[in-house]
Amino acid sequence: VSELLEANGRHPEFQLFATDLDSFAIDIARAGRYPKT
């Protein structure tokens, strides 16, 4: 989404909601840290 907005010269507000049943997975997602692979 960010790349498309930048390519079109537009910068509207956008929000992304991400949900999952697994609270441990959500904790990993919230931190946003991933291996070099």
PDB file of all heavy atoms in Angstrom:
ATOM      1  N   VAL A   1       0.838  -1.205   0.000  1.00  0.00           N
ATOM      2  CA  VAL A   1       0.000   0.000   0.000  1.00  0.00           C
ATOM      3  C   VAL A   1       0.870   1.251   0.000  1.00  0.00           C
ATOM      4  O   VAL A   1       0.623   2.204  -0.751  1.00  0.00           O
ATOM      5  CB  VAL A   1      -0.948  -0.010   1.215  1.00  0.00           C
ATOM      6  CG1 VAL A   1      -1.673   1.332   1.336  1.00  0.00           C
ATOM      7  CG2 VAL A   1      -1.961  -1.140   1.101  1.00  0.00           C
ATOM      8  N   SER A   2       1.901   1.255   0.838  1.00  0.00           N
ATOM      9  CA  SER A   2       2.797   2.421   0.907  1.00  0.00           C
ATOM     10  C   SER A   2       3.439   2.713  -0.444  1.00  0.00           C
ATOM     11  O   SER A   2       3.507   3.874  -0.882  1.00  0.00           O
ATOM     12  CB  SER A   2       3.890   2.176   1.959  1.00  0.00           C
ATOM     13  OG  SER A   2       3.343   2.052   3.241  1.00  0.00           O
ATOM     14  N   GLU A   3       3.897   1.676  -1.125  1.00  0.00           N
ATOM     15  CA  GLU A   3       4.550   1.867  -2.425  1.00  0.00           C
ATOM     16  C   GLU A   3       3.569   2.406  -3.465  1.00  0.00           C
ATOM     17  O   GLU A   3       3.934   3.283  -4.275  1.00  0.00           O
ATOM     18  CB  GLU A   3       5.154   0.547  -2.894  1.00  0.00           C
ATOM     19  CG  GLU A   3       6.364   0.114  -2.079  1.00  0.00           C
ATOM     20  CD  GLU A   3       6.920  -1.234  -2.513  1.00  0.00           C
ATOM     21  OE1 GLU A   3       6.168  -2.029  -3.116  1.00  0.00           O
ATOM     22  OE2 GLU A   3       8.112  -1.492  -2.263  1.00  0.00           O
ATOM     23  N   LEU A   4       2.344   1.893  -3.449  1.00  0.00           N
ATOM     24  CA  LEU A   4       1.350   2.377  -4.413  1.00  0.00           C
ATOM     25  C   LEU A   4       1.008   3.838  -4.173  1.00  0.00           C
ATOM     26  O   LEU A   4       0.878   4.624  -5.115  1.00  0.00           O
ATOM     27  CB  LEU A   4       0.091   1.513  -4.329  1.00  0.00           C
ATOM     28  CG  LEU A   4       0.084   0.232  -5.153  1.00  0.00           C
ATOM     29  CD1 LEU A   4      -1.141  -0.596  -4.828  1.00  0.00           C
ATOM     30  CD2 LEU A   4       0.110   0.542  -6.644  1.00  0.00           C
ATOM     31  N   LEU A   5       0.839   4.206  -2.915  1.00  0.00           N
ATOM     32  CA  LEU A   5       0.528   5.598  -2.602  1.00  0.00           C
ATOM     33  C   LEU A   5       1.654   6.525  -3.039  1.00  0.00           C
ATOM     34  O   LEU A   5       1.412   7.587  -3.626  1.00  0.00           O
ATOM     35  CB  LEU A   5       0.264   5.743  -1.103  1.00  0.00           C
ATOM     36  CG  LEU A   5      -1.011   5.068  -0.572  1.00  0.00           C
ATOM     37  CD1 LEU A   5      -1.061   5.148   0.942  1.00  0.00           C
ATOM     38  CD2 LEU A   5      -2.252   5.718  -1.180  1.00  0.00           C
ATOM     39  N   GLU A   6       2.891   6.124  -2.759  1.00  0.00           N
ATOM     40  CA  GLU A   6       4.034   6.953  -3.144  1.00  0.00           C
ATOM     41  C   GLU A   6       4.142   7.061  -4.665  1.00  0.00           C
ATOM     42  O   GLU A   6       4.448   8.127  -5.204  1.00  0.00           O
ATOM     43  CB  GLU A   6       5.314   6.366  -2.552  1.00  0.00           C
ATOM     44  CG  GLU A   6       5.394   6.482  -1.038  1.00  0.00           C
ATOM     45  CD  GLU A   6       6.584   5.733  -0.460  1.00  0.00           C
ATOM     46  OE1 GLU A   6       7.362   5.153  -1.247  1.00  0.00           O
ATOM     47  OE2 GLU A   6       6.734   5.729   0.780  1.00  0.00           O
ATOM     48  N   ALA A   7       3.879   5.957  -5.360  1.00  0.00           N
ATOM     49  CA  ALA A   7       3.967   5.962  -6.822  1.00  0.00           C
ATOM     50  C   ALA A   7       2.926   6.882  -7.446  1.00  0.00           C
ATOM     51  O   ALA A   7       3.140   7.440  -8.527  1.00  0.00           O
ATOM     52  CB  ALA A   7       3.798   4.551  -7.368  1.00  0.00           C
ATOM     53  N   ASN A   8       1.791   7.036  -6.760  1.00  0.00           N
ATOM     54  CA  ASN A   8       0.726   7.901  -7.268  1.00  0.00           C
ATOM     55  C   ASN A   8       0.818   9.322  -6.720  1.00  0.00           C
ATOM     56  O   ASN A   8      -0.082  10.135  -6.959  1.00  0.00           O
ATOM     57  CB  ASN A   8      -0.645   7.305  -6.918  1.00  0.00           C
ATOM     58  CG  ASN A   8      -1.003   6.114  -7.795  1.00  0.00           C
ATOM     59  OD1 ASN A   8      -1.531   6.272  -8.889  1.00  0.00           O
ATOM     60  ND2 ASN A   8      -0.687   4.920  -7.322  1.00  0.00           N
ATOM     61  N   GLY A   9       1.884   9.585  -5.968  1.00  0.00           N
ATOM     62  CA  GLY A   9       2.053  10.931  -5.430  1.00  0.00           C
ATOM     63  C   GLY A   9       0.994  11.307  -4.422  1.00  0.00           C
ATOM     64  O   GLY A   9       0.689  12.497  -4.244  1.00  0.00           O
ATOM     65  N   ARG A  10       0.416  10.320  -3.755  1.00  0.00           N
ATOM     66  CA  ARG A  10      -0.643  10.592  -2.803  1.00  0.00           C
ATOM     67  C   ARG A  10      -0.217  10.088  -1.418  1.00  0.00           C
ATOM     68  O   ARG A  10       0.489   9.093  -1.288  1.00  0.00           O
ATOM     69  CB  ARG A  10      -1.942   9.886  -3.223  1.00  0.00           C
ATOM     70  CG  ARG A  10      -2.388  10.277  -4.629  1.00  0.00           C
ATOM     71  CD  ARG A  10      -3.607   9.514  -5.061  1.00  0.00           C
ATOM     72  NE  ARG A  10      -4.771   9.873  -4.246  1.00  0.00           N
ATOM     73  CZ  ARG A  10      -5.989   9.364  -4.444  1.00  0.00           C
ATOM     74  NH1 ARG A  10      -6.179   8.478  -5.407  1.00  0.00           N
ATOM     75  NH2 ARG A  10      -6.990   9.728  -3.683  1.00  0.00           N
ATOM     76  N   HIS A  11      -0.669  10.791  -0.421  1.00  0.00           N
ATOM     77  CA  HIS A  11      -0.276  10.435   0.932  1.00  0.00           C
ATOM     78  C   HIS A  11      -1.475  10.472   1.879  1.00  0.00           C
ATOM     79  O   HIS A  11      -1.458  11.162   2.892  1.00  0.00           O
ATOM     80  CB  HIS A  11       0.824  11.378   1.436  1.00  0.00           C
ATOM     81  CG  HIS A  11       2.036  11.371   0.568  1.00  0.00           C
ATOM     82  ND1 HIS A  11       3.009  10.401   0.629  1.00  0.00           N
ATOM     83  CD2 HIS A  11       2.423  12.225  -0.428  1.00  0.00           C
ATOM     84  CE1 HIS A  11       3.948  10.648  -0.269  1.00  0.00           C
ATOM     85  NE2 HIS A  11       3.614  11.750  -0.924  1.00  0.00           N
ATOM     86  N   PRO A  12      -2.527   9.707   1.551  1.00  0.00           N
ATOM     87  CA  PRO A  12      -3.670   9.689   2.459  1.00  0.00           C
ATOM     88  C   PRO A  12      -3.356   8.880   3.717  1.00  0.00           C
ATOM     89  O   PRO A  12      -2.426   8.069   3.736  1.00  0.00           O
ATOM     90  CB  PRO A  12      -4.751   8.985   1.632  1.00  0.00           C
ATOM     91  CG  PRO A  12      -3.983   8.093   0.731  1.00  0.00           C
ATOM     92  CD  PRO A  12      -2.721   8.836   0.392  1.00  0.00           C
ATOM     93  N   GLU A  13      -4.113   9.120   4.732  1.00  0.00           N
ATOM     94  CA  GLU A  13      -3.964   8.322   5.936  1.00  0.00           C
ATOM     95  C   GLU A  13      -4.429   6.893   5.654  1.00  0.00           C
ATOM     96  O   GLU A  13      -5.407   6.683   4.943  1.00  0.00           O
ATOM     97  CB  GLU A  13      -4.798   8.922   7.069  1.00  0.00           C
ATOM     98  CG  GLU A  13      -4.228  10.219   7.624  1.00  0.00           C
ATOM     99  CD  GLU A  13      -2.843  10.003   8.228  1.00  0.00           C
ATOM    100  OE1 GLU A  13      -2.666   9.006   8.971  1.00  0.00           O
ATOM    101  OE2 GLU A  13      -1.950  10.807   7.941  1.00  0.00           O
ATOM    102  N   PHE A  14      -3.714   5.905   6.183  1.00  0.00           N
ATOM    103  CA  PHE A  14      -4.243   4.556   6.121  1.00  0.00           C
ATOM    104  C   PHE A  14      -3.844   3.797   7.374  1.00  0.00           C
ATOM    105  O   PHE A  14      -2.813   4.072   7.982  1.00  0.00           O
ATOM    106  CB  PHE A  14      -3.811   3.828   4.843  1.00  0.00           C
ATOM    107  CG  PHE A  14      -2.424   3.230   4.861  1.00  0.00           C
ATOM    108  CD1 PHE A  14      -2.206   1.930   5.309  1.00  0.00           C
ATOM    109  CD2 PHE A  14      -1.332   3.951   4.390  1.00  0.00           C
ATOM    110  CE1 PHE A  14      -0.940   1.382   5.298  1.00  0.00           C
ATOM    111  CE2 PHE A  14      -0.063   3.402   4.376  1.00  0.00           C
ATOM    112  CZ  PHE A  14       0.136   2.118   4.837  1.00  0.00           C
ATOM    113  N   GLN A  15      -4.700   2.883   7.754  1.00  0.00           N
ATOM    114  CA  GLN A  15      -4.461   2.037   8.914  1.00  0.00           C
ATOM    115  C   GLN A  15      -4.613   0.582   8.502  1.00  0.00           C
ATOM    116  O   GLN A  15      -5.434   0.254   7.643  1.00  0.00           O
ATOM    117  CB  GLN A  15      -5.469   2.330  10.030  1.00  0.00           C
ATOM    118  CG  GLN A  15      -5.259   3.643  10.745  1.00  0.00           C
ATOM    119  CD  GLN A  15      -6.338   3.822  11.805  1.00  0.00           C
ATOM    120  OE1 GLN A  15      -7.515   3.890  11.490  1.00  0.00           O
ATOM    121  NE2 GLN A  15      -5.932   3.877  13.061  1.00  0.00           N
ATOM    122  N   LEU A  16      -3.816  -0.272   9.139  1.00  0.00           N
ATOM    123  CA  LEU A  16      -3.912  -1.697   8.850  1.00  0.00           C
ATOM    124  C   LEU A  16      -4.172  -2.443  10.157  1.00  0.00           C
ATOM    125  O   LEU A  16      -3.435  -2.289  11.129  1.00  0.00           O
ATOM    126  CB  LEU A  16      -2.626  -2.199   8.191  1.00  0.00           C
ATOM    127  CG  LEU A  16      -2.708  -3.610   7.607  1.00  0.00           C
ATOM    128  CD1 LEU A  16      -1.920  -3.709   6.319  1.00  0.00           C
ATOM    129  CD2 LEU A  16      -2.234  -4.647   8.603  1.00  0.00           C
ATOM    130  N   PHE A  17      -5.240  -3.219  10.180  1.00  0.00           N
ATOM    131  CA  PHE A  17      -5.586  -4.031  11.336  1.00  0.00           C
ATOM    132  C   PHE A  17      -5.212  -5.483  11.049  1.00  0.00           C
ATOM    133  O   PHE A  17      -5.567  -6.014   9.992  1.00  0.00           O
ATOM    134  CB  PHE A  17      -7.086  -3.933  11.630  1.00  0.00           C
ATOM    135  CG  PHE A  17      -7.539  -2.522  11.875  1.00  0.00           C
ATOM    136  CD1 PHE A  17      -7.977  -1.729  10.829  1.00  0.00           C
ATOM    137  CD2 PHE A  17      -7.515  -1.981  13.159  1.00  0.00           C
ATOM    138  CE1 PHE A  17      -8.383  -0.418  11.037  1.00  0.00           C
ATOM    139  CE2 PHE A  17      -7.921  -0.680  13.379  1.00  0.00           C
ATOM    140  CZ  PHE A  17      -8.353   0.105  12.317  1.00  0.00           C
ATOM    141  N   ALA A  18      -4.511  -6.107  11.980  1.00  0.00           N
ATOM    142  CA  ALA A  18      -4.099  -7.499  11.797  1.00  0.00           C
ATOM    143  C   ALA A  18      -4.519  -8.292  13.036  1.00  0.00           C
ATOM    144  O   ALA A  18      -4.211  -7.895  14.163  1.00  0.00           O
ATOM    145  CB  ALA A  18      -2.594  -7.589  11.589  1.00  0.00           C
ATOM    146  N   THR A  19      -5.223  -9.386  12.812  1.00  0.00           N
ATOM    147  CA  THR A  19      -5.755 -10.168  13.923  1.00  0.00           C
ATOM    148  C   THR A  19      -5.391 -11.642  13.777  1.00  0.00           C
ATOM    149  O   THR A  19      -5.183 -12.141  12.678  1.00  0.00           O
ATOM    150  CB  THR A  19      -7.296 -10.054  13.975  1.00  0.00           C
ATOM    151  OG1 THR A  19      -7.831 -10.519  12.726  1.00  0.00           O
ATOM    152  CG2 THR A  19      -7.725  -8.611  14.187  1.00  0.00           C
ATOM    153  N   ASP A  20      -5.332 -12.329  14.916  1.00  0.00           N
ATOM    154  CA  ASP A  20      -5.064 -13.758  14.904  1.00  0.00           C
ATOM    155  C   ASP A  20      -5.526 -14.353  16.221  1.00  0.00           C
ATOM    156  O   ASP A  20      -5.560 -13.679  17.254  1.00  0.00           O
ATOM    157  CB  ASP A  20      -3.571 -14.045  14.713  1.00  0.00           C
ATOM    158  CG  ASP A  20      -3.310 -15.479  14.287  1.00  0.00           C
ATOM    159  OD1 ASP A  20      -3.180 -16.351  15.158  1.00  0.00           O
ATOM    160  OD2 ASP A  20      -3.259 -15.720  13.062  1.00  0.00           O
ATOM    161  N   LEU A  21      -5.871 -15.630  16.180  1.00  0.00           N
ATOM    162  CA  LEU A  21      -6.312 -16.339  17.371  1.00  0.00           C
ATOM    163  C   LEU A  21      -5.168 -16.577  18.353  1.00  0.00           C
ATOM    164  O   LEU A  21      -5.383 -16.719  19.553  1.00  0.00           O
ATOM    165  CB  LEU A  21      -6.900 -17.691  16.937  1.00  0.00           C
ATOM    166  CG  LEU A  21      -7.927 -18.365  17.835  1.00  0.00           C
ATOM    167  CD1 LEU A  21      -9.119 -17.467  18.060  1.00  0.00           C
ATOM    168  CD2 LEU A  21      -8.388 -19.679  17.184  1.00  0.00           C
ATOM    169  N   ASP A  22      -3.941 -16.627  17.849  1.00  0.00           N
ATOM    170  CA  ASP A  22      -2.776 -16.995  18.650  1.00  0.00           C
ATOM    171  C   ASP A  22      -2.108 -15.751  19.228  1.00  0.00           C
ATOM    172  O   ASP A  22      -1.484 -14.973  18.509  1.00  0.00           O
ATOM    173  CB  ASP A  22      -1.788 -17.776  17.775  1.00  0.00           C
ATOM    174  CG  ASP A  22      -0.635 -18.370  18.583  1.00  0.00           C
ATOM    175  OD1 ASP A  22      -0.450 -17.972  19.746  1.00  0.00           O
ATOM    176  OD2 ASP A  22       0.073 -19.237  18.038  1.00  0.00           O
ATOM    177  N   SER A  23      -2.198 -15.566  20.536  1.00  0.00           N
ATOM    178  CA  SER A  23      -1.640 -14.363  21.160  1.00  0.00           C
ATOM    179  C   SER A  23      -0.119 -14.336  21.056  1.00  0.00           C
ATOM    180  O   SER A  23       0.482 -13.256  20.973  1.00  0.00           O
ATOM    181  CB  SER A  23      -2.072 -14.286  22.625  1.00  0.00           C
ATOM    182  OG  SER A  23      -1.608 -15.416  23.350  1.00  0.00           O
ATOM    183  N   PHE A  24       0.541 -15.521  21.060  1.00  0.00           N
ATOM    184  CA  PHE A  24       1.995 -15.543  20.918  1.00  0.00           C
ATOM    185  C   PHE A  24       2.406 -15.027  19.536  1.00  0.00           C
ATOM    186  O   PHE A  24       3.388 -14.287  19.394  1.00  0.00           O
ATOM    187  CB  PHE A  24       2.532 -16.958  21.128  1.00  0.00           C
ATOM    188  CG  PHE A  24       2.447 -17.417  22.560  1.00  0.00           C
ATOM    189  CD1 PHE A  24       1.537 -18.388  22.936  1.00  0.00           C
ATOM    190  CD2 PHE A  24       3.271 -16.882  23.535  1.00  0.00           C
ATOM    191  CE1 PHE A  24       1.451 -18.816  24.255  1.00  0.00           C
ATOM    192  CE2 PHE A  24       3.202 -17.297  24.852  1.00  0.00           C
ATOM    193  CZ  PHE A  24       2.277 -18.272  25.216  1.00  0.00           C
ATOM    194  N   ALA A  25       1.651 -15.423  18.514  1.00  0.00           N
ATOM    195  CA  ALA A  25       1.945 -14.946  17.161  1.00  0.00           C
ATOM    196  C   ALA A  25       1.764 -13.437  17.072  1.00  0.00           C
ATOM    197  O   ALA A  25       2.557 -12.738  16.423  1.00  0.00           O
ATOM    198  CB  ALA A  25       1.042 -15.649  16.147  1.00  0.00           C
ATOM    199  N   ILE A  26       0.733 -12.929  17.726  1.00  0.00           N
ATOM    200  CA  ILE A  26       0.493 -11.483  17.726  1.00  0.00           C
ATOM    201  C   ILE A  26       1.655 -10.742  18.381  1.00  0.00           C
ATOM    202  O   ILE A  26       2.073  -9.666  17.929  1.00  0.00           O
ATOM    203  CB  ILE A  26      -0.832 -11.154  18.443  1.00  0.00           C
ATOM    204  CG1 ILE A  26      -2.021 -11.585  17.582  1.00  0.00           C
ATOM    205  CG2 ILE A  26      -0.927  -9.676  18.778  1.00  0.00           C
ATOM    206  CD1 ILE A  26      -2.220 -10.759  16.332  1.00  0.00           C
ATOM    207  N   ASP A  27       2.205 -11.297  19.465  1.00  0.00           N
ATOM    208  CA  ASP A  27       3.344 -10.662  20.124  1.00  0.00           C
ATOM    209  C   ASP A  27       4.532 -10.551  19.172  1.00  0.00           C
ATOM    210  O   ASP A  27       5.228  -9.521  19.138  1.00  0.00           O
ATOM    211  CB  ASP A  27       3.755 -11.465  21.365  1.00  0.00           C
ATOM    212  CG  ASP A  27       2.749 -11.333  22.509  1.00  0.00           C
ATOM    213  OD1 ASP A  27       1.966 -10.367  22.477  1.00  0.00           O
ATOM    214  OD2 ASP A  27       2.756 -12.193  23.410  1.00  0.00           O
ATOM    215  N   ILE A  28       4.777 -11.611  18.396  1.00  0.00           N
ATOM    216  CA  ILE A  28       5.869 -11.573  17.418  1.00  0.00           C
ATOM    217  C   ILE A  28       5.580 -10.521  16.351  1.00  0.00           C
ATOM    218  O   ILE A  28       6.447  -9.731  15.969  1.00  0.00           O
ATOM    219  CB  ILE A  28       6.058 -12.958  16.772  1.00  0.00           C
ATOM    220  CG1 ILE A  28       6.501 -13.981  17.824  1.00  0.00           C
ATOM    221  CG2 ILE A  28       7.079 -12.904  15.635  1.00  0.00           C
ATOM    222  CD1 ILE A  28       6.517 -15.410  17.330  1.00  0.00           C
ATOM    223  N   ALA A  29       4.327 -10.495  15.877  1.00  0.00           N
ATOM    224  CA  ALA A  29       3.953  -9.534  14.835  1.00  0.00           C
ATOM    225  C   ALA A  29       4.101  -8.107  15.326  1.00  0.00           C
ATOM    226  O   ALA A  29       4.588  -7.230  14.603  1.00  0.00           O
ATOM    227  CB  ALA A  29       2.513  -9.804  14.393  1.00  0.00           C
ATOM    228  N   ARG A  30       3.674  -7.870  16.548  1.00  0.00           N
ATOM    229  CA  ARG A  30       3.735  -6.503  17.080  1.00  0.00           C
ATOM    230  C   ARG A  30       5.173  -6.009  17.190  1.00  0.00           C
ATOM    231  O   ARG A  30       5.474  -4.850  16.934  1.00  0.00           O
ATOM    232  CB  ARG A  30       3.039  -6.462  18.454  1.00  0.00           C
ATOM    233  CG  ARG A  30       2.912  -5.063  19.028  1.00  0.00           C
ATOM    234  CD  ARG A  30       2.155  -5.076  20.348  1.00  0.00           C
ATOM    235  NE  ARG A  30       0.735  -5.359  20.138  1.00  0.00           N
ATOM    236  CZ  ARG A  30       0.109  -6.440  20.601  1.00  0.00           C
ATOM    237  NH1 ARG A  30       0.777  -7.346  21.294  1.00  0.00           N
ATOM    238  NH2 ARG A  30      -1.168  -6.603  20.378  1.00  0.00           N
ATOM    239  N   ALA A  31       6.089  -6.911  17.581  1.00  0.00           N
ATOM    240  CA  ALA A  31       7.505  -6.523  17.703  1.00  0.00           C
ATOM    241  C   ALA A  31       8.128  -6.248  16.343  1.00  0.00           C
ATOM    242  O   ALA A  31       9.010  -5.393  16.210  1.00  0.00           O
ATOM    243  CB  ALA A  31       8.278  -7.615  18.434  1.00  0.00           C
ATOM    244  N   GLY A  32       7.697  -6.978  15.305  1.00  0.00           N
ATOM    245  CA  GLY A  32       8.192  -6.733  13.947  1.00  0.00           C
ATOM    246  C   GLY A  32       9.634  -7.120  13.727  1.00  0.00           C
ATOM    247  O   GLY A  32      10.294  -6.580  12.835  1.00  0.00           O
ATOM    248  N   ARG A  33      10.153  -8.057  14.507  1.00  0.00           N
ATOM    249  CA  ARG A  33      11.538  -8.512  14.348  1.00  0.00           C
ATOM    250  C   ARG A  33      11.556  -9.865  13.643  1.00  0.00           C
ATOM    251  O   ARG A  33      10.837 -10.786  14.036  1.00  0.00           O
ATOM    252  CB  ARG A  33      12.222  -8.634  15.705  1.00  0.00           C
ATOM    253  CG  ARG A  33      12.567  -7.293  16.348  1.00  0.00           C
ATOM    254  CD  ARG A  33      13.459  -7.511  17.580  1.00  0.00           C
ATOM    255  NE  ARG A  33      13.962  -6.234  18.076  1.00  0.00           N
ATOM    256  CZ  ARG A  33      13.377  -5.525  19.035  1.00  0.00           C
ATOM    257  NH1 ARG A  33      12.251  -5.971  19.588  1.00  0.00           N
ATOM    258  NH2 ARG A  33      13.893  -4.388  19.442  1.00  0.00           N
ATOM    259  N   TYR A  34      12.437  -9.995  12.623  1.00  0.00           N
ATOM    260  CA  TYR A  34      12.476 -11.221  11.830  1.00  0.00           C
ATOM    261  C   TYR A  34      13.923 -11.591  11.526  1.00  0.00           C
ATOM    262  O   TYR A  34      14.808 -10.729  11.487  1.00  0.00           O
ATOM    263  CB  TYR A  34      11.688 -11.022  10.529  1.00  0.00           C
ATOM    264  CG  TYR A  34      10.233 -10.698  10.793  1.00  0.00           C
ATOM    265  CD1 TYR A  34       9.772  -9.388  10.764  1.00  0.00           C
ATOM    266  CD2 TYR A  34       9.328 -11.704  11.125  1.00  0.00           C
ATOM    267  CE1 TYR A  34       8.438  -9.086  11.044  1.00  0.00           C
ATOM    268  CE2 TYR A  34       8.002 -11.417  11.402  1.00  0.00           C
ATOM    269  CZ  TYR A  34       7.562 -10.109  11.357  1.00  0.00           C
ATOM    270  OH  TYR A  34       6.254  -9.817  11.651  1.00  0.00           O
ATOM    271  N   PRO A  35      14.188 -12.885  11.301  1.00  0.00           N
ATOM    272  CA  PRO A  35      15.566 -13.320  11.030  1.00  0.00           C
ATOM    273  C   PRO A  35      16.058 -12.844   9.667  1.00  0.00           C
ATOM    274  O   PRO A  35      15.273 -12.452   8.796  1.00  0.00           O
ATOM    275  CB  PRO A  35      15.460 -14.849  11.071  1.00  0.00           C
ATOM    276  CG  PRO A  35      14.038 -15.138  10.745  1.00  0.00           C
ATOM    277  CD  PRO A  35      13.239 -14.010  11.329  1.00  0.00           C
ATOM    278  N   LYS A  36      17.356 -12.913   9.480  1.00  0.00           N
ATOM    279  CA  LYS A  36      17.959 -12.434   8.235  1.00  0.00           C
ATOM    280  C   LYS A  36      17.564 -13.268   7.026  1.00  0.00           C
ATOM    281  O   LYS A  36      17.766 -12.846   5.885  1.00  0.00           O
ATOM    282  CB  LYS A  36      19.474 -12.386   8.385  1.00  0.00           C
ATOM    283  CG  LYS A  36      19.935 -11.286   9.340  1.00  0.00           C
ATOM    284  CD  LYS A  36      21.433 -11.070   9.316  1.00  0.00           C
ATOM    285  CE  LYS A  36      21.814  -9.885  10.203  1.00  0.00           C
ATOM    286  NZ  LYS A  36      23.274  -9.633  10.206  1.00  0.00           N
ATOM    287  N   THR A  37      16.972 -14.430   7.270  1.00  0.00           N
ATOM    288  CA  THR A  37      16.538 -15.277   6.170  1.00  0.00           C
ATOM    289  C   THR A  37      15.390 -14.663   5.363  1.00  0.00           C
ATOM    290  O   THR A  37      15.044 -15.172   4.302  1.00  0.00           O
ATOM    291  CB  THR A  37      16.095 -16.647   6.698  1.00  0.00           C
ATOM    292  OG1 THR A  37      15.284 -16.474   7.864  1.00  0.00           O
ATOM    293  CG2 THR A  37      17.296 -17.487   7.077  1.00  0.00           C
TER     294      THR A  37
END
